[in-house]
Amino acid sequence: MTAEDLAQAALAARLNAYAPFSNFRVGAALETAGGKVYSGCNVENATYGLTVCAERVALWKAISEGERAFIRIAVASDSLKPITPCGACRQLLWEFGGDLEVILATPQGQLESRRLKDLLPEAFDRDALNKF
């Protein structure tokens, strides 16, 4: 699967977003080491605190299907410029995927590629728990 294919899957997933409060639709497509793709969209709640991001929806779907090895994720929104995952999503992606490639996409065809370690420098993970 190419980066463009993964970005298209994220763009398609964003169309399923439930975002009646912010009108900010986000989609994600997470690729496993075996080549499977799990997509997700943001699902809002009136309290906002119960809202779940697209990246976490994709991650939970993959984990619930037994997947544990991931290589990259694409994230897309309706924005004119690419958006990056929020802090909570960065932390969870790091814990389950390590230094993933993060592809950022827009409906206008803009693509950017980042490494998760650059988006979450000095990440807290299992190794940090063994340092005391």
N, C-alpha and C. Protein backbone atom coordinates (compact mmCIF):
# COMPACT_ATOMS: atom_id res chain seq x y z
N MET A 1 0.84 -1.17 0.00
CA MET A 1 0.00 0.00 0.00
C MET A 1 0.89 1.25 0.00
N THR A 2 0.55 2.19 -0.83
CA THR A 2 1.32 3.42 -0.89
C THR A 2 0.83 4.41 0.17
N ALA A 3 1.62 5.44 0.42
CA ALA A 3 1.21 6.50 1.34
C ALA A 3 -0.06 7.17 0.84
N GLU A 4 -0.17 7.33 -0.47
CA GLU A 4 -1.36 7.94 -1.06
C GLU A 4 -2.60 7.09 -0.82
N ASP A 5 -2.46 5.76 -0.95
CA ASP A 5 -3.57 4.85 -0.69
C ASP A 5 -4.03 4.94 0.77
N LEU A 6 -3.06 4.98 1.68
CA LEU A 6 -3.40 5.07 3.09
C LEU A 6 -4.07 6.41 3.39
N ALA A 7 -3.57 7.47 2.77
CA ALA A 7 -4.18 8.79 2.95
C ALA A 7 -5.62 8.80 2.43
N GLN A 8 -5.85 8.15 1.30
CA GLN A 8 -7.22 8.07 0.75
C GLN A 8 -8.15 7.32 1.70
N ALA A 9 -7.63 6.29 2.35
CA ALA A 9 -8.44 5.54 3.32
C ALA A 9 -8.80 6.44 4.51
N ALA A 10 -7.87 7.27 4.95
CA ALA A 10 -8.14 8.20 6.05
C ALA A 10 -9.14 9.27 5.62
N LEU A 11 -8.97 9.77 4.41
CA LEU A 11 -9.91 10.77 3.89
C LEU A 11 -11.32 10.20 3.80
N ALA A 12 -11.43 8.96 3.37
CA ALA A 12 -12.75 8.32 3.28
C ALA A 12 -13.34 8.10 4.66
N ALA A 13 -12.52 7.70 5.62
CA ALA A 13 -13.01 7.45 6.98
C ALA A 13 -13.56 8.72 7.61
N ARG A 14 -12.97 9.87 7.29
CA ARG A 14 -13.43 11.13 7.89
C ARG A 14 -14.88 11.43 7.52
N LEU A 15 -15.34 10.91 6.41
CA LEU A 15 -16.71 11.16 5.98
C LEU A 15 -17.73 10.50 6.91
N ASN A 16 -17.29 9.53 7.71
CA ASN A 16 -18.17 8.85 8.66
C ASN A 16 -18.14 9.51 10.04
N ALA A 17 -17.36 10.55 10.20
CA ALA A 17 -17.23 11.20 11.51
C ALA A 17 -18.58 11.66 12.05
N TYR A 18 -18.70 11.58 13.36
CA TYR A 18 -19.87 12.13 14.04
C TYR A 18 -19.38 13.36 14.78
N ALA A 19 -19.54 14.52 14.16
CA ALA A 19 -18.99 15.76 14.70
C ALA A 19 -20.02 16.89 14.65
N PRO A 20 -21.19 16.70 15.29
CA PRO A 20 -22.23 17.72 15.21
C PRO A 20 -21.93 18.98 16.01
N PHE A 21 -20.95 18.94 16.90
CA PHE A 21 -20.67 20.08 17.75
C PHE A 21 -19.53 20.94 17.18
N SER A 22 -18.46 20.31 16.77
CA SER A 22 -17.32 21.06 16.23
C SER A 22 -17.36 21.17 14.71
N ASN A 23 -18.07 20.26 14.06
CA ASN A 23 -18.04 20.15 12.60
C ASN A 23 -16.62 19.94 12.07
N PHE A 24 -15.77 19.35 12.91
CA PHE A 24 -14.38 19.08 12.55
C PHE A 24 -14.23 17.57 12.36
N ARG A 25 -14.35 17.13 11.12
CA ARG A 25 -14.30 15.70 10.82
C ARG A 25 -12.85 15.25 10.63
N VAL A 26 -12.52 14.13 11.27
CA VAL A 26 -11.17 13.58 11.16
C VAL A 26 -11.29 12.09 10.85
N GLY A 27 -10.41 11.61 9.99
CA GLY A 27 -10.33 10.19 9.69
C GLY A 27 -8.90 9.71 9.87
N ALA A 28 -8.76 8.44 10.17
CA ALA A 28 -7.43 7.84 10.32
C ALA A 28 -7.44 6.46 9.69
N ALA A 29 -6.29 6.06 9.20
CA ALA A 29 -6.11 4.72 8.64
C ALA A 29 -4.77 4.19 9.16
N LEU A 30 -4.83 3.11 9.92
CA LEU A 30 -3.67 2.52 10.58
C LEU A 30 -3.27 1.26 9.85
N GLU A 31 -2.03 1.20 9.41
CA GLU A 31 -1.53 0.03 8.67
C GLU A 31 -0.73 -0.88 9.59
N THR A 32 -1.05 -2.17 9.54
CA THR A 32 -0.35 -3.16 10.35
C THR A 32 0.90 -3.65 9.62
N ALA A 33 1.76 -4.32 10.36
CA ALA A 33 2.96 -4.90 9.76
C ALA A 33 2.59 -5.94 8.71
N GLY A 34 1.42 -6.55 8.85
CA GLY A 34 0.96 -7.55 7.88
C GLY A 34 0.23 -6.96 6.68
N GLY A 35 0.11 -5.64 6.64
CA GLY A 35 -0.51 -4.99 5.49
C GLY A 35 -1.99 -4.71 5.60
N LYS A 36 -2.63 -5.07 6.72
CA LYS A 36 -4.04 -4.75 6.90
C LYS A 36 -4.18 -3.28 7.29
N VAL A 37 -5.34 -2.72 6.97
CA VAL A 37 -5.62 -1.33 7.30
C VAL A 37 -6.89 -1.26 8.13
N TYR A 38 -6.81 -0.56 9.24
CA TYR A 38 -7.96 -0.32 10.11
C TYR A 38 -8.22 1.18 10.12
N SER A 39 -9.45 1.55 9.80
CA SER A 39 -9.78 2.97 9.74
C SER A 39 -10.61 3.37 10.95
N GLY A 40 -10.65 4.67 11.18
CA GLY A 40 -11.45 5.20 12.26
C GLY A 40 -11.81 6.65 11.98
N CYS A 41 -12.84 7.13 12.65
CA CYS A 41 -13.24 8.52 12.54
C CYS A 41 -13.50 9.06 13.94
N ASN A 42 -13.49 10.37 14.09
CA ASN A 42 -13.79 10.94 15.40
C ASN A 42 -15.28 10.81 15.69
N VAL A 43 -15.58 10.59 16.97
CA VAL A 43 -16.96 10.45 17.43
C VAL A 43 -17.11 11.38 18.63
N GLU A 44 -17.88 12.46 18.42
CA GLU A 44 -18.03 13.47 19.45
C GLU A 44 -19.16 13.15 20.42
N ASN A 45 -19.12 13.84 21.54
CA ASN A 45 -20.15 13.77 22.56
C ASN A 45 -20.38 15.19 23.04
N ALA A 46 -21.57 15.50 23.46
CA ALA A 46 -21.91 16.85 23.90
C ALA A 46 -21.01 17.33 25.04
N THR A 47 -20.47 16.42 25.82
CA THR A 47 -19.59 16.82 26.92
C THR A 47 -18.15 17.01 26.47
N TYR A 48 -17.85 16.74 25.23
CA TYR A 48 -16.50 16.81 24.64
C TYR A 48 -15.51 15.87 25.30
N GLY A 49 -15.53 15.76 26.61
CA GLY A 49 -14.57 14.89 27.30
C GLY A 49 -14.73 13.43 26.92
N LEU A 50 -15.90 13.05 26.46
CA LEU A 50 -16.12 11.67 26.05
C LEU A 50 -15.90 11.46 24.56
N THR A 51 -15.49 12.49 23.87
CA THR A 51 -15.19 12.38 22.45
C THR A 51 -13.99 11.45 22.24
N VAL A 52 -14.01 10.68 21.18
CA VAL A 52 -12.90 9.79 20.85
C VAL A 52 -12.35 10.20 19.49
N CYS A 53 -11.04 10.33 19.43
CA CYS A 53 -10.37 10.74 18.19
C CYS A 53 -10.32 9.60 17.18
N ALA A 54 -10.19 9.96 15.92
CA ALA A 54 -10.12 8.99 14.83
C ALA A 54 -8.95 8.02 15.00
N GLU A 55 -7.81 8.54 15.43
CA GLU A 55 -6.63 7.69 15.57
C GLU A 55 -6.86 6.60 16.61
N ARG A 56 -7.52 6.97 17.72
CA ARG A 56 -7.78 5.97 18.75
C ARG A 56 -8.83 4.97 18.32
N VAL A 57 -9.83 5.41 17.56
CA VAL A 57 -10.83 4.47 17.05
C VAL A 57 -10.14 3.42 16.17
N ALA A 58 -9.28 3.87 15.26
CA ALA A 58 -8.56 2.93 14.39
C ALA A 58 -7.69 1.98 15.21
N LEU A 59 -7.00 2.53 16.21
CA LEU A 59 -6.13 1.71 17.05
C LEU A 59 -6.93 0.68 17.83
N TRP A 60 -8.04 1.09 18.44
CA TRP A 60 -8.87 0.15 19.21
C TRP A 60 -9.42 -0.95 18.31
N LYS A 61 -9.86 -0.58 17.10
CA LYS A 61 -10.37 -1.60 16.18
C LYS A 61 -9.30 -2.63 15.88
N ALA A 62 -8.10 -2.17 15.59
CA ALA A 62 -7.00 -3.09 15.27
C ALA A 62 -6.66 -3.99 16.46
N ILE A 63 -6.53 -3.39 17.62
CA ILE A 63 -6.19 -4.16 18.81
C ILE A 63 -7.29 -5.17 19.12
N SER A 64 -8.54 -4.76 18.98
CA SER A 64 -9.64 -5.69 19.28
C SER A 64 -9.70 -6.86 18.31
N GLU A 65 -9.05 -6.72 17.16
CA GLU A 65 -8.98 -7.81 16.18
C GLU A 65 -7.69 -8.61 16.32
N GLY A 66 -6.90 -8.32 17.37
CA GLY A 66 -5.70 -9.09 17.65
C GLY A 66 -4.42 -8.54 17.09
N GLU A 67 -4.47 -7.40 16.44
CA GLU A 67 -3.25 -6.81 15.86
C GLU A 67 -2.40 -6.18 16.94
N ARG A 68 -1.08 -6.29 16.79
CA ARG A 68 -0.17 -5.70 17.77
C ARG A 68 1.04 -5.03 17.12
N ALA A 69 1.20 -5.15 15.81
CA ALA A 69 2.37 -4.58 15.13
C ALA A 69 1.90 -3.61 14.05
N PHE A 70 2.32 -2.36 14.17
CA PHE A 70 1.88 -1.30 13.26
C PHE A 70 3.08 -0.60 12.65
N ILE A 71 2.91 -0.12 11.41
CA ILE A 71 4.03 0.54 10.74
C ILE A 71 3.77 2.01 10.42
N ARG A 72 2.51 2.37 10.19
CA ARG A 72 2.22 3.78 9.91
C ARG A 72 0.73 4.05 10.03
N ILE A 73 0.45 5.35 10.15
CA ILE A 73 -0.93 5.80 10.24
C ILE A 73 -1.08 7.06 9.40
N ALA A 74 -2.21 7.17 8.74
CA ALA A 74 -2.54 8.39 8.01
C ALA A 74 -3.66 9.09 8.77
N VAL A 75 -3.59 10.41 8.83
CA VAL A 75 -4.59 11.23 9.51
C VAL A 75 -5.04 12.32 8.55
N ALA A 76 -6.36 12.49 8.42
CA ALA A 76 -6.90 13.47 7.48
C ALA A 76 -8.08 14.20 8.11
N SER A 77 -8.21 15.46 7.75
CA SER A 77 -9.36 16.24 8.20
C SER A 77 -9.83 17.10 7.03
N ASP A 78 -10.80 17.96 7.29
CA ASP A 78 -11.28 18.88 6.26
C ASP A 78 -10.43 20.15 6.19
N SER A 79 -9.40 20.25 7.02
CA SER A 79 -8.58 21.45 7.08
C SER A 79 -7.82 21.70 5.78
N LEU A 80 -7.50 22.96 5.57
CA LEU A 80 -6.69 23.32 4.41
C LEU A 80 -5.23 22.93 4.58
N LYS A 81 -4.79 22.82 5.83
CA LYS A 81 -3.42 22.36 6.09
C LYS A 81 -3.49 21.08 6.91
N PRO A 82 -2.49 20.22 6.78
CA PRO A 82 -2.50 18.95 7.51
C PRO A 82 -2.53 19.16 9.02
N ILE A 83 -3.24 18.28 9.71
CA ILE A 83 -3.28 18.31 11.17
C ILE A 83 -2.52 17.12 11.72
N THR A 84 -1.99 17.28 12.92
CA THR A 84 -1.28 16.19 13.58
C THR A 84 -2.16 15.60 14.67
N PRO A 85 -1.87 14.37 15.10
CA PRO A 85 -2.63 13.77 16.19
C PRO A 85 -2.49 14.57 17.48
N CYS A 86 -3.53 14.54 18.31
CA CYS A 86 -3.47 15.21 19.61
C CYS A 86 -2.46 14.48 20.51
N GLY A 87 -2.18 15.06 21.65
CA GLY A 87 -1.22 14.48 22.58
C GLY A 87 -1.59 13.09 23.07
N ALA A 88 -2.87 12.90 23.40
CA ALA A 88 -3.31 11.59 23.88
C ALA A 88 -3.11 10.52 22.80
N CYS A 89 -3.45 10.87 21.57
CA CYS A 89 -3.28 9.91 20.46
C CYS A 89 -1.80 9.63 20.22
N ARG A 90 -0.98 10.66 20.29
CA ARG A 90 0.47 10.46 20.12
C ARG A 90 0.99 9.47 21.15
N GLN A 91 0.58 9.64 22.41
CA GLN A 91 1.03 8.74 23.48
C GLN A 91 0.59 7.30 23.21
N LEU A 92 -0.67 7.10 22.87
CA LEU A 92 -1.16 5.74 22.62
C LEU A 92 -0.52 5.13 21.39
N LEU A 93 -0.34 5.91 20.34
CA LEU A 93 0.31 5.38 19.14
C LEU A 93 1.75 4.98 19.45
N TRP A 94 2.43 5.78 20.28
CA TRP A 94 3.80 5.44 20.65
C TRP A 94 3.82 4.13 21.43
N GLU A 95 2.93 4.01 22.38
CA GLU A 95 2.92 2.81 23.21
C GLU A 95 2.66 1.55 22.40
N PHE A 96 1.78 1.62 21.43
CA PHE A 96 1.43 0.44 20.65
C PHE A 96 2.21 0.30 19.36
N GLY A 97 2.80 1.39 18.86
CA GLY A 97 3.48 1.31 17.58
C GLY A 97 4.89 1.82 17.54
N GLY A 98 5.34 2.48 18.60
CA GLY A 98 6.68 3.04 18.59
C GLY A 98 6.78 4.17 17.57
N ASP A 99 7.92 4.25 16.95
CA ASP A 99 8.20 5.36 16.04
C ASP A 99 7.54 5.16 14.67
N LEU A 100 6.23 5.23 14.66
CA LEU A 100 5.46 5.07 13.43
C LEU A 100 5.71 6.21 12.45
N GLU A 101 5.53 5.91 11.19
CA GLU A 101 5.42 6.98 10.20
C GLU A 101 4.00 7.54 10.33
N VAL A 102 3.88 8.87 10.34
CA VAL A 102 2.59 9.53 10.43
C VAL A 102 2.40 10.34 9.15
N ILE A 103 1.43 9.94 8.36
CA ILE A 103 1.13 10.63 7.10
C ILE A 103 -0.02 11.58 7.37
N LEU A 104 0.15 12.83 7.02
CA LEU A 104 -0.85 13.86 7.23
C LEU A 104 -1.40 14.26 5.87
N ALA A 105 -2.73 14.26 5.74
CA ALA A 105 -3.34 14.48 4.43
C ALA A 105 -4.47 15.50 4.50
N THR A 106 -4.69 16.18 3.38
CA THR A 106 -5.83 17.10 3.25
C THR A 106 -6.66 16.67 2.04
N PRO A 107 -7.91 17.10 1.99
CA PRO A 107 -8.74 16.78 0.83
C PRO A 107 -8.20 17.38 -0.47
N GLN A 108 -7.38 18.42 -0.35
CA GLN A 108 -6.81 19.06 -1.54
C GLN A 108 -5.60 18.31 -2.09
N GLY A 109 -5.23 17.20 -1.45
CA GLY A 109 -4.14 16.38 -1.95
C GLY A 109 -2.79 16.63 -1.32
N GLN A 110 -2.72 17.51 -0.34
CA GLN A 110 -1.45 17.76 0.33
C GLN A 110 -1.11 16.57 1.23
N LEU A 111 0.12 16.09 1.14
CA LEU A 111 0.60 14.99 1.98
C LEU A 111 1.91 15.39 2.63
N GLU A 112 2.02 15.10 3.90
CA GLU A 112 3.27 15.29 4.63
C GLU A 112 3.54 14.02 5.42
N SER A 113 4.81 13.72 5.60
CA SER A 113 5.19 12.54 6.37
C SER A 113 6.07 12.99 7.54
N ARG A 114 5.74 12.48 8.72
CA ARG A 114 6.51 12.77 9.93
C ARG A 114 6.79 11.46 10.64
N ARG A 115 7.73 11.49 11.55
CA ARG A 115 7.98 10.35 12.44
C ARG A 115 7.35 10.67 13.78
N LEU A 116 6.79 9.66 14.42
CA LEU A 116 6.14 9.88 15.70
C LEU A 116 7.13 10.41 16.74
N LYS A 117 8.38 9.98 16.67
CA LYS A 117 9.36 10.46 17.66
C LYS A 117 9.58 11.97 17.54
N ASP A 118 9.33 12.53 16.35
CA ASP A 118 9.44 13.98 16.18
C ASP A 118 8.21 14.70 16.70
N LEU A 119 7.07 14.04 16.67
CA LEU A 119 5.83 14.63 17.19
C LEU A 119 5.70 14.42 18.70
N LEU A 120 6.41 13.44 19.25
CA LEU A 120 6.36 13.14 20.68
C LEU A 120 7.78 12.87 21.19
N PRO A 121 8.60 13.93 21.26
CA PRO A 121 9.98 13.72 21.72
C PRO A 121 10.01 13.30 23.19
N GLU A 122 10.96 12.47 23.53
CA GLU A 122 11.13 11.98 24.90
C GLU A 122 9.85 11.36 25.44
N ALA A 123 9.27 10.49 24.64
CA ALA A 123 8.00 9.84 24.99
C ALA A 123 8.13 9.03 26.27
N PHE A 124 7.04 9.01 27.02
CA PHE A 124 6.95 8.17 28.23
C PHE A 124 6.47 6.80 27.79
N ASP A 125 7.21 5.77 28.12
CA ASP A 125 6.81 4.42 27.76
C ASP A 125 7.27 3.42 28.82
N ARG A 126 7.17 2.16 28.50
CA ARG A 126 7.53 1.09 29.45
C ARG A 126 8.94 1.25 30.00
N ASP A 127 9.88 1.71 29.16
CA ASP A 127 11.26 1.89 29.62
C ASP A 127 11.34 2.90 30.77
N ALA A 128 10.50 3.91 30.75
CA ALA A 128 10.52 4.91 31.80
C ALA A 128 10.12 4.30 33.15
N LEU A 129 9.28 3.29 33.12
CA LEU A 129 8.84 2.66 34.36
C LEU A 129 9.94 1.84 35.01
N ASN A 130 10.97 1.50 34.26
CA ASN A 130 12.07 0.68 34.78
C ASN A 130 13.27 1.51 35.22
N LYS A 131 13.12 2.82 35.35
CA LYS A 131 14.25 3.69 35.65
C LYS A 131 14.29 4.17 37.09
N PHE A 132 13.47 3.59 37.96
CA PHE A 132 13.53 4.06 39.35
C PHE A 132 14.09 2.99 40.25
